[in-house]
Amino acid sequence: MNFLGRIAKTAAKIEANELRAVLLSFSFVFTILASYYILRSIRDGLASDWSDVELSTIWTFTFFISFLVVALYGLACSKIKFRYLVPGVYAFFVLTFLSLYILISAFPDFKLTNQIFYVWVSVFSLLNVSVFWSFMADIYSKQQATRLFGFIAAGSGLGAIFGSTISLYFATKIGSYNLILISASLLIIPIFIARALERIKTLDLVNQASNQGSDQSLGTNILSGFKEFATNPLLLGIGIFIVLYTSFGTFIYFGLKNILVDFDQNSRTQIFAGIDLAVNVLAPTIAMFGTSRLATRFGLTATLPFVPVIVIIGFLALAVSPLLGVVVGLQIVRRAGEYSITKPAREMLFTIVDRESRFKAKSVIDVVVYRAGDIFWAWAFTGLTQVLGMGLAAIALIGAGIASIWSLLAIYLGKYFDKHQVIGAATKTNNDELAG
């Protein structure tokens, strides 16, 4: 362990006392992303059975279901003791997916059943990751988060590769719907990891503050997450950051979809598979060995706007050359940068808010606000192309303008975090001196 600890400290800035918790956290996100990517392939395969109007309606319906689920999650936070909250969330998802498997097996040709499955996987895709990062922000201090979140985030990319491989290999061998059982089985693992992390956070990480209130629920107001989001400037800033981010995913996705109109289905599948492979190879590598160095050396003031600045350059390149290769390259860079740098940096911001906001308001931002952004930018892109008749080059210029605003907001949020971290470090030093 000493040898492994020295390697971890040199390569990824992980201290010896943090290694066990970091490896468990890495395994946690690896498992939930592997589970999701198995379900994702099934979900996306169903979309071809529906018209554009039906799919758009399902997307809109997903937003309202997300709103309801987040409100119910707020109720759970208010009623369930904290130490049981995170394991309970994943146990709940295991039960729902097992129930959906039984329902789909009993009624395989029932369109509504498949649509329910599509919506529920879409809700799960955001809430399950949101709960994980809320938990991470509670386990680690803000100083530890700066060094460790990049490495932990690498587990998501590796989990995505593993889950996609499982689907690719077993879909034709056992049937795609039977993959739901594999996915649900994987989700059992985080239940035990969460309990283990709760036990060792005060022993290994010496993070006593985060252990306070483990036998209590998080407040009593089930809608406090929505209220906190609307009234807290930091949370509101993070929400706007998310909405601006969703514009690029939507614009690039729709632009790529339109360019591929003349390609056959097999060629499209190869292109999307190539993008996924490139992203899932790049993201873990950058996250494991680059993000922590960037964050610890330059702070969030430089780390958070790093990808937004690259996106500005990418959209300007796309405006000059609106070609397939440029769109594909921009999509790879954007997604790899988001998973490896922007997301772990964004999650660090939640280490400086209170626990109730960390769990309740964060789910509002990660699920409800995210889905609202999806719908808004999808209709915005449609209006720009169908109503105003804009081409991809003109839309790319608009994207560059949005990315400029995104980068400025990222700098502001990064400065806020770095300032708070300096104040926190100074306070800790003074307290240690008084205690000495």
Protein backbone atom coordinates (compact mmCIF):
# COMPACT_ATOMS: atom_id res chain seq x y z
CA MET A 1 0.00 0.00 0.00
CA ASN A 2 2.92 2.32 0.71
CA PHE A 3 4.30 1.75 -2.79
CA LEU A 4 0.84 2.24 -4.31
CA GLY A 5 0.38 5.36 -2.17
CA ARG A 6 3.63 6.89 -3.45
CA ILE A 7 2.59 6.25 -7.04
CA ALA A 8 -0.86 7.77 -6.41
CA LYS A 9 0.65 10.88 -4.80
CA THR A 10 3.15 11.41 -7.60
CA ALA A 11 0.80 10.72 -10.51
CA ALA A 12 -2.50 12.13 -9.23
CA LYS A 13 -1.76 14.13 -6.04
CA ILE A 14 -3.57 11.63 -3.81
CA GLU A 15 -2.34 11.50 -0.19
CA ALA A 16 -1.88 8.10 1.45
CA ASN A 17 -4.76 8.63 3.89
CA GLU A 18 -7.07 9.51 0.99
CA LEU A 19 -6.30 6.55 -1.25
CA ARG A 20 -8.92 4.14 0.09
CA ALA A 21 -11.71 6.72 -0.11
CA VAL A 22 -10.66 7.85 -3.59
CA LEU A 23 -10.57 4.29 -4.95
CA LEU A 24 -14.02 3.62 -3.50
CA SER A 25 -15.32 6.88 -5.01
CA PHE A 26 -13.74 5.97 -8.34
CA SER A 27 -15.46 2.56 -8.21
CA PHE A 28 -18.74 4.24 -7.26
CA VAL A 29 -18.91 6.49 -10.33
CA PHE A 30 -17.49 3.72 -12.57
CA THR A 31 -20.37 1.46 -11.56
CA ILE A 32 -23.22 3.96 -11.94
CA LEU A 33 -21.96 5.12 -15.35
CA ALA A 34 -21.52 1.53 -16.54
CA SER A 35 -25.09 0.84 -15.45
CA TYR A 36 -26.38 3.94 -17.24
CA TYR A 37 -24.55 3.28 -20.51
CA ILE A 38 -26.08 -0.19 -20.67
CA LEU A 39 -29.53 1.37 -20.32
CA ARG A 40 -28.68 4.24 -22.66
CA SER A 41 -28.12 1.94 -25.63
CA ILE A 42 -31.52 0.33 -25.06
CA ARG A 43 -33.21 3.73 -24.65
CA ASP A 44 -31.70 5.27 -27.76
CA GLY A 45 -32.57 2.21 -29.81
CA LEU A 46 -36.25 2.71 -28.94
CA ALA A 47 -36.26 6.28 -30.30
CA SER A 48 -36.25 5.05 -33.91
CA ASP A 49 -39.73 3.61 -33.39
CA TRP A 50 -41.24 7.09 -32.91
CA SER A 51 -41.80 10.10 -35.11
CA ASP A 52 -40.10 13.45 -34.46
CA VAL A 53 -43.32 14.80 -32.94
CA GLU A 54 -43.64 11.80 -30.63
CA LEU A 55 -40.02 12.06 -29.53
CA SER A 56 -40.28 15.82 -28.93
CA THR A 57 -43.39 15.19 -26.85
CA ILE A 58 -41.51 12.57 -24.83
CA TRP A 59 -38.67 15.05 -24.23
CA THR A 60 -41.14 17.63 -22.95
CA PHE A 61 -42.84 15.04 -20.79
CA THR A 62 -39.43 14.07 -19.40
CA PHE A 63 -38.95 17.64 -18.16
CA PHE A 64 -42.17 17.57 -16.14
CA ILE A 65 -41.43 14.11 -14.75
CA SER A 66 -37.96 15.36 -13.78
CA PHE A 67 -39.54 18.27 -11.92
CA LEU A 68 -41.82 15.89 -10.02
CA VAL A 69 -39.03 13.44 -9.21
CA VAL A 70 -36.77 16.19 -7.87
CA ALA A 71 -39.62 17.42 -5.64
CA LEU A 72 -40.11 13.87 -4.33
CA TYR A 73 -36.35 13.60 -3.83
CA GLY A 74 -36.58 16.78 -1.76
CA LEU A 75 -39.26 15.06 0.33
CA ALA A 76 -36.95 12.07 0.81
CA CYS A 77 -34.13 14.39 1.92
CA SER A 78 -36.51 15.90 4.49
CA LYS A 79 -37.74 12.57 5.87
CA ILE A 80 -34.85 10.09 5.59
CA LYS A 81 -31.79 10.12 7.83
CA PHE A 82 -28.78 11.28 5.83
CA ARG A 83 -26.77 8.07 6.26
CA TYR A 84 -29.57 6.15 4.51
CA LEU A 85 -30.34 8.73 1.81
CA VAL A 86 -27.73 7.92 -0.84
CA PRO A 87 -27.94 4.11 -0.50
CA GLY A 88 -31.72 4.46 -0.55
CA VAL A 89 -31.69 6.38 -3.85
CA TYR A 90 -29.80 3.60 -5.63
CA ALA A 91 -31.88 0.87 -4.00
CA PHE A 92 -34.96 2.70 -5.31
CA PHE A 93 -33.57 2.78 -8.86
CA VAL A 94 -32.76 -0.94 -8.67
CA LEU A 95 -36.37 -1.70 -7.77
CA THR A 96 -37.79 0.57 -10.51
CA PHE A 97 -35.67 -1.00 -13.25
CA LEU A 98 -36.50 -4.51 -12.11
CA SER A 99 -40.18 -3.52 -12.20
CA LEU A 100 -39.80 -2.06 -15.70
CA TYR A 101 -38.08 -5.26 -16.85
CA ILE A 102 -41.03 -7.31 -15.65
CA LEU A 103 -43.49 -4.89 -17.28
CA ILE A 104 -41.65 -4.87 -20.63
CA SER A 105 -41.30 -8.66 -20.61
CA ALA A 106 -45.03 -9.04 -19.99
CA PHE A 107 -46.03 -6.46 -22.63
CA PRO A 108 -43.16 -6.31 -25.19
CA ASP A 109 -45.24 -4.67 -27.94
CA PHE A 110 -46.94 -2.08 -25.75
CA LYS A 111 -45.68 1.33 -26.96
CA LEU A 112 -46.49 3.15 -23.72
CA THR A 113 -44.32 0.76 -21.69
CA ASN A 114 -41.31 1.52 -23.89
CA GLN A 115 -42.01 5.24 -23.65
CA ILE A 116 -42.14 5.03 -19.84
CA PHE A 117 -38.80 3.23 -19.92
CA TYR A 118 -37.31 5.95 -22.18
CA VAL A 119 -38.46 8.73 -19.86
CA TRP A 120 -37.30 6.99 -16.69
CA VAL A 121 -33.81 6.27 -18.06
CA SER A 122 -33.56 9.95 -19.05
CA VAL A 123 -34.47 11.00 -15.49
CA PHE A 124 -32.07 8.44 -14.02
CA SER A 125 -29.21 9.61 -16.26
CA LEU A 126 -29.06 13.01 -14.54
CA LEU A 127 -30.35 12.36 -11.02
CA ASN A 128 -28.10 9.41 -10.32
CA VAL A 129 -24.97 11.38 -11.27
CA SER A 130 -26.21 14.44 -9.38
CA VAL A 131 -26.69 12.43 -6.18
CA PHE A 132 -23.20 10.93 -6.58
CA TRP A 133 -21.49 14.33 -6.87
CA SER A 134 -23.57 15.73 -4.00
CA PHE A 135 -22.27 12.84 -1.93
CA MET A 136 -18.68 13.50 -3.06
CA ALA A 137 -18.98 17.17 -2.07
CA ASP A 138 -20.09 15.97 1.36
CA ILE A 139 -17.30 13.39 1.72
CA TYR A 140 -14.38 15.62 0.76
CA SER A 141 -13.39 19.10 1.89
CA LYS A 142 -13.01 21.86 -0.69
CA GLN A 143 -9.21 21.57 -0.48
CA GLN A 144 -9.39 17.82 -1.10
CA ALA A 145 -11.93 18.28 -3.89
CA THR A 146 -9.53 20.50 -5.85
CA ARG A 147 -6.96 17.71 -5.94
CA LEU A 148 -9.15 14.62 -6.10
CA PHE A 149 -12.29 15.27 -8.13
CA GLY A 150 -10.48 15.08 -11.47
CA PHE A 151 -9.15 11.60 -10.73
CA ILE A 152 -12.52 10.43 -9.39
CA ALA A 153 -14.27 11.79 -12.49
CA ALA A 154 -12.09 9.54 -14.65
CA GLY A 155 -14.11 6.62 -13.33
CA SER A 156 -17.14 7.89 -15.23
CA GLY A 157 -15.36 7.64 -18.59
CA LEU A 158 -14.06 4.16 -17.89
CA GLY A 159 -17.50 3.11 -16.66
CA ALA A 160 -19.03 4.45 -19.88
CA ILE A 161 -16.61 2.34 -21.94
CA PHE A 162 -17.39 -0.75 -19.85
CA GLY A 163 -21.15 -0.27 -20.06
CA SER A 164 -21.08 0.37 -23.81
CA THR A 165 -18.94 -2.74 -24.33
CA ILE A 166 -21.37 -4.87 -22.34
CA SER A 167 -24.25 -3.64 -24.52
CA LEU A 168 -22.31 -4.09 -27.75
CA TYR A 169 -21.28 -7.64 -26.93
CA PHE A 170 -24.38 -9.04 -25.23
CA ALA A 171 -27.29 -7.26 -26.96
CA THR A 172 -27.61 -9.85 -29.74
CA LYS A 173 -26.60 -12.77 -27.49
CA ILE A 174 -29.14 -12.37 -24.68
CA GLY A 175 -31.51 -9.73 -26.06
CA SER A 176 -31.39 -6.01 -25.36
CA TYR A 177 -34.14 -6.01 -22.72
CA ASN A 178 -32.29 -8.63 -20.66
CA LEU A 179 -29.46 -6.11 -20.35
CA ILE A 180 -31.72 -4.25 -17.90
CA LEU A 181 -31.05 -7.03 -15.38
CA ILE A 182 -27.27 -6.55 -15.73
CA SER A 183 -27.66 -2.80 -15.28
CA ALA A 184 -29.87 -3.18 -12.21
CA SER A 185 -27.41 -5.66 -10.70
CA LEU A 186 -24.55 -3.19 -11.10
CA LEU A 187 -26.57 -0.55 -9.23
CA ILE A 188 -26.55 -2.73 -6.11
CA ILE A 189 -22.79 -2.15 -5.70
CA PRO A 190 -23.01 1.63 -4.98
CA ILE A 191 -25.36 0.91 -2.07
CA PHE A 192 -22.51 -0.80 -0.20
CA ILE A 193 -19.85 1.66 -1.37
CA ALA A 194 -21.88 4.59 -0.05
CA ARG A 195 -22.15 2.97 3.38
CA ALA A 196 -18.41 2.24 3.39
CA LEU A 197 -17.52 5.84 2.49
CA GLU A 198 -19.77 7.14 5.27
CA ARG A 199 -17.85 4.98 7.76
CA ILE A 200 -14.32 5.90 6.67
CA LYS A 201 -14.65 9.62 5.89
CA THR A 202 -13.84 10.68 9.46
CA LEU A 203 -11.18 7.97 9.88
CA ASP A 204 -9.23 8.33 6.63
CA LEU A 205 -10.11 11.85 5.51
CA VAL A 206 -10.35 13.43 8.98
CA ASN A 207 -13.39 15.30 7.71
CA GLN A 208 -15.31 15.64 10.95
CA ALA A 209 -17.55 18.47 9.74
CA SER A 210 -19.08 16.37 7.01
CA ASN A 211 -20.05 13.68 9.52
CA GLN A 212 -22.29 15.97 11.52
CA GLY A 213 -25.96 15.24 11.11
CA SER A 214 -25.66 11.75 9.61
CA ASP A 215 -28.53 10.61 11.82
CA GLN A 216 -30.70 13.57 10.82
CA SER A 217 -32.71 14.39 7.71
CA LEU A 218 -31.96 17.45 5.59
CA GLY A 219 -34.48 20.08 6.68
CA THR A 220 -38.25 19.84 6.54
CA ASN A 221 -39.27 21.83 3.45
CA ILE A 222 -39.50 19.53 0.41
CA LEU A 223 -39.33 22.49 -1.99
CA SER A 224 -36.43 24.19 -0.24
CA GLY A 225 -34.13 23.10 -3.08
CA PHE A 226 -36.12 25.18 -5.56
CA LYS A 227 -36.19 28.13 -3.14
CA GLU A 228 -32.45 27.90 -2.47
CA PHE A 229 -31.72 27.81 -6.19
CA ALA A 230 -33.84 30.89 -6.87
CA THR A 231 -32.46 32.98 -3.99
CA ASN A 232 -28.80 31.94 -3.69
CA PRO A 233 -26.59 33.91 -6.14
CA LEU A 234 -23.98 31.14 -6.34
CA LEU A 235 -26.56 28.42 -7.08
CA LEU A 236 -28.32 30.68 -9.56
CA GLY A 237 -24.99 31.29 -11.27
CA ILE A 238 -24.34 27.55 -11.51
CA GLY A 239 -27.84 27.09 -12.96
CA ILE A 240 -27.21 29.70 -15.66
CA PHE A 241 -23.86 28.00 -16.31
CA ILE A 242 -25.72 24.73 -16.94
CA VAL A 243 -28.28 26.35 -19.26
CA LEU A 244 -25.51 27.94 -21.34
CA TYR A 245 -23.70 24.59 -21.45
CA THR A 246 -26.73 22.73 -22.79
CA SER A 247 -26.86 25.10 -25.78
CA PHE A 248 -23.63 23.69 -27.20
CA GLY A 249 -24.68 20.09 -26.80
CA THR A 250 -27.96 20.83 -28.55
CA PHE A 251 -26.50 22.99 -31.34
CA ILE A 252 -23.74 20.52 -32.16
CA TYR A 253 -26.06 17.51 -31.94
CA PHE A 254 -28.65 19.06 -34.26
CA GLY A 255 -25.94 20.33 -36.63
CA LEU A 256 -24.36 16.89 -36.81
CA LYS A 257 -27.75 15.27 -37.32
CA ASN A 258 -28.48 17.57 -40.27
CA ILE A 259 -25.07 17.02 -41.90
CA LEU A 260 -25.59 13.24 -41.70
CA VAL A 261 -28.95 13.33 -43.51
CA ASP A 262 -27.41 11.93 -46.71
CA PHE A 263 -25.45 9.19 -44.91
CA ASP A 264 -26.82 5.66 -44.53
CA GLN A 265 -27.67 4.29 -41.09
CA ASN A 266 -24.55 2.12 -40.82
CA SER A 267 -22.27 5.09 -41.58
CA ARG A 268 -24.07 7.24 -39.00
CA THR A 269 -23.72 4.50 -36.40
CA GLN A 270 -19.98 4.26 -37.10
CA ILE A 271 -19.53 8.04 -36.78
CA PHE A 272 -21.39 8.25 -33.46
CA ALA A 273 -19.58 5.16 -32.15
CA GLY A 274 -16.26 6.74 -33.12
CA ILE A 275 -17.16 9.93 -31.27
CA ASP A 276 -18.13 7.99 -28.14
CA LEU A 277 -14.92 5.96 -28.25
CA ALA A 278 -12.70 9.02 -28.69
CA VAL A 279 -14.47 10.87 -25.85
CA ASN A 280 -14.32 7.93 -23.47
CA VAL A 281 -10.61 7.41 -24.12
CA LEU A 282 -9.62 11.07 -23.84
CA ALA A 283 -11.77 12.05 -20.85
CA PRO A 284 -10.43 9.56 -18.25
CA THR A 285 -6.82 10.23 -19.28
CA ILE A 286 -7.20 13.99 -18.88
CA ALA A 287 -9.22 13.65 -15.68
CA MET A 288 -6.80 11.28 -13.96
CA PHE A 289 -3.58 13.15 -14.69
CA GLY A 290 -4.43 16.66 -15.85
CA THR A 291 -7.42 18.13 -14.04
CA SER A 292 -6.01 18.04 -10.51
CA ARG A 293 -2.78 19.69 -11.66
CA LEU A 294 -4.71 22.40 -13.50
CA ALA A 295 -7.00 23.05 -10.53
CA THR A 296 -4.32 23.04 -7.83
CA ARG A 297 -1.84 25.16 -9.79
CA PHE A 298 -4.14 27.75 -11.33
CA GLY A 299 -7.33 27.45 -9.26
CA LEU A 300 -10.90 27.32 -10.52
CA THR A 301 -10.53 30.83 -11.97
CA ALA A 302 -8.55 29.25 -14.81
CA THR A 303 -9.89 25.68 -14.68
CA LEU A 304 -13.63 26.40 -15.02
CA PRO A 305 -13.36 28.63 -18.14
CA PHE A 306 -10.73 26.38 -19.78
CA VAL A 307 -13.20 24.37 -21.89
CA PRO A 308 -15.50 27.36 -22.63
CA VAL A 309 -12.55 29.17 -24.25
CA ILE A 310 -11.78 26.08 -26.36
CA VAL A 311 -15.45 25.92 -27.38
CA ILE A 312 -15.28 29.56 -28.55
CA ILE A 313 -12.34 28.69 -30.79
CA GLY A 314 -14.13 25.57 -32.03
CA PHE A 315 -17.30 27.44 -32.98
CA LEU A 316 -15.28 30.11 -34.80
CA ALA A 317 -13.53 27.34 -36.74
CA LEU A 318 -16.93 25.83 -37.52
CA ALA A 319 -18.20 29.19 -38.77
CA VAL A 320 -15.29 29.34 -41.23
CA SER A 321 -15.49 25.66 -42.24
CA PRO A 322 -18.94 24.15 -41.51
CA LEU A 323 -17.77 20.65 -42.45
CA LEU A 324 -18.41 17.22 -40.95
CA GLY A 325 -14.84 16.79 -39.68
CA VAL A 326 -14.96 20.12 -37.84
CA VAL A 327 -18.31 19.30 -36.21
CA VAL A 328 -17.08 15.86 -35.14
CA GLY A 329 -13.85 17.32 -33.76
CA LEU A 330 -15.72 20.00 -31.83
CA GLN A 331 -18.10 17.42 -30.39
CA ILE A 332 -15.22 15.22 -29.20
CA VAL A 333 -13.33 18.13 -27.62
CA ARG A 334 -16.47 19.56 -26.00
CA ARG A 335 -17.62 16.29 -24.46
CA ALA A 336 -14.16 15.12 -23.37
CA GLY A 337 -13.48 18.53 -21.83
CA GLU A 338 -16.84 18.56 -20.07
CA TYR A 339 -16.41 15.11 -18.52
CA SER A 340 -12.76 15.52 -17.54
CA ILE A 341 -12.38 19.21 -16.61
CA THR A 342 -15.59 21.27 -16.55
CA LYS A 343 -17.78 18.83 -14.64
CA PRO A 344 -15.36 17.99 -11.81
CA ALA A 345 -14.51 21.72 -11.55
CA ARG A 346 -18.20 22.59 -11.41
CA GLU A 347 -18.79 19.96 -8.73
CA MET A 348 -16.09 21.59 -6.58
CA LEU A 349 -18.37 24.63 -6.27
CA PHE A 350 -20.81 22.57 -4.21
CA THR A 351 -18.21 21.96 -1.51
CA ILE A 352 -18.72 25.55 -0.31
CA VAL A 353 -22.50 25.37 0.21
CA ASP A 354 -24.39 23.81 3.12
CA ARG A 355 -25.43 20.16 3.06
CA GLU A 356 -29.13 20.84 2.43
CA SER A 357 -28.35 22.97 -0.63
CA ARG A 358 -25.75 20.43 -1.70
CA PHE A 359 -28.35 17.70 -2.02
CA LYS A 360 -31.67 19.47 -2.63
CA ALA A 361 -30.72 22.50 -4.74
CA LYS A 362 -28.09 20.56 -6.68
CA SER A 363 -30.66 18.05 -7.93
CA VAL A 364 -32.84 20.97 -9.08
CA ILE A 365 -29.91 22.34 -11.08
CA ASP A 366 -28.64 19.03 -12.45
CA VAL A 367 -32.00 17.61 -13.47
CA VAL A 368 -34.75 20.22 -13.80
CA VAL A 369 -32.62 23.14 -15.01
CA TYR A 370 -30.64 20.85 -17.34
CA ARG A 371 -33.78 19.45 -18.97
CA ALA A 372 -35.27 22.94 -19.26
CA GLY A 373 -32.11 24.03 -21.08
CA ASP A 374 -32.43 21.08 -23.45
CA ILE A 375 -35.96 22.05 -24.43
CA PHE A 376 -35.19 25.78 -24.75
CA TRP A 377 -32.16 25.36 -27.02
CA ALA A 378 -33.82 22.64 -29.12
CA TRP A 379 -36.64 25.01 -30.01
CA ALA A 380 -34.16 27.89 -30.42
CA PHE A 381 -32.15 25.90 -32.98
CA THR A 382 -35.36 24.98 -34.79
CA GLY A 383 -36.39 28.65 -34.90
CA LEU A 384 -32.99 29.76 -36.24
CA THR A 385 -33.03 27.19 -39.03
CA GLN A 386 -36.70 26.77 -39.91
CA VAL A 387 -37.98 30.31 -39.29
CA LEU A 388 -34.93 32.51 -39.92
CA GLY A 389 -33.30 30.17 -42.43
CA MET A 390 -29.83 30.28 -40.86
CA GLY A 391 -27.15 27.83 -41.90
CA LEU A 392 -24.64 26.03 -39.70
CA ALA A 393 -21.97 28.75 -40.14
CA ALA A 394 -24.27 31.51 -38.85
CA ILE A 395 -25.43 29.35 -35.95
CA ALA A 396 -21.79 28.65 -35.11
CA LEU A 397 -21.18 32.39 -34.73
CA ILE A 398 -24.13 32.58 -32.33
CA GLY A 399 -22.66 29.61 -30.49
CA ALA A 400 -19.33 31.42 -30.17
CA GLY A 401 -21.15 34.42 -28.67
CA ILE A 402 -22.95 32.21 -26.14
CA ALA A 403 -19.65 30.49 -25.31
CA SER A 404 -18.09 33.92 -24.63
CA ILE A 405 -20.80 34.64 -22.04
CA TRP A 406 -20.31 31.13 -20.67
CA SER A 407 -16.57 31.70 -20.22
CA LEU A 408 -17.10 35.03 -18.41
CA LEU A 409 -19.54 33.39 -16.02
CA ALA A 410 -17.04 30.55 -15.50
CA ILE A 411 -14.34 33.06 -14.53
CA TYR A 412 -16.71 34.72 -12.03
CA LEU A 413 -17.69 31.40 -10.44
CA GLY A 414 -14.06 30.28 -10.36
CA LYS A 415 -12.96 33.49 -8.63
CA TYR A 416 -15.75 33.12 -6.09
CA PHE A 417 -14.58 29.59 -5.22
CA ASP A 418 -10.88 30.49 -5.06
CA LYS A 419 -11.62 33.47 -2.80
CA HIS A 420 -13.76 31.30 -0.52
CA GLN A 421 -11.03 28.65 -0.41
CA VAL A 422 -8.38 31.20 0.63
CA ILE A 423 -10.64 32.52 3.38
CA GLY A 424 -11.38 28.98 4.55
CA ALA A 425 -7.69 28.06 4.63
CA ALA A 426 -6.85 31.20 6.64
CA THR A 427 -9.64 30.47 9.12
CA LYS A 428 -8.40 26.91 9.58
CA THR A 429 -4.85 28.11 10.20
CA ASN A 430 -6.03 30.58 12.86
CA ASN A 431 -8.13 27.91 14.56
CA ASP A 432 -5.18 25.50 14.57
CA GLU A 433 -2.94 28.17 16.13
CA LEU A 434 -5.53 28.89 18.84
CA ALA A 435 -5.95 25.19 19.51
CA GLY A 436 -2.16 24.79 19.74
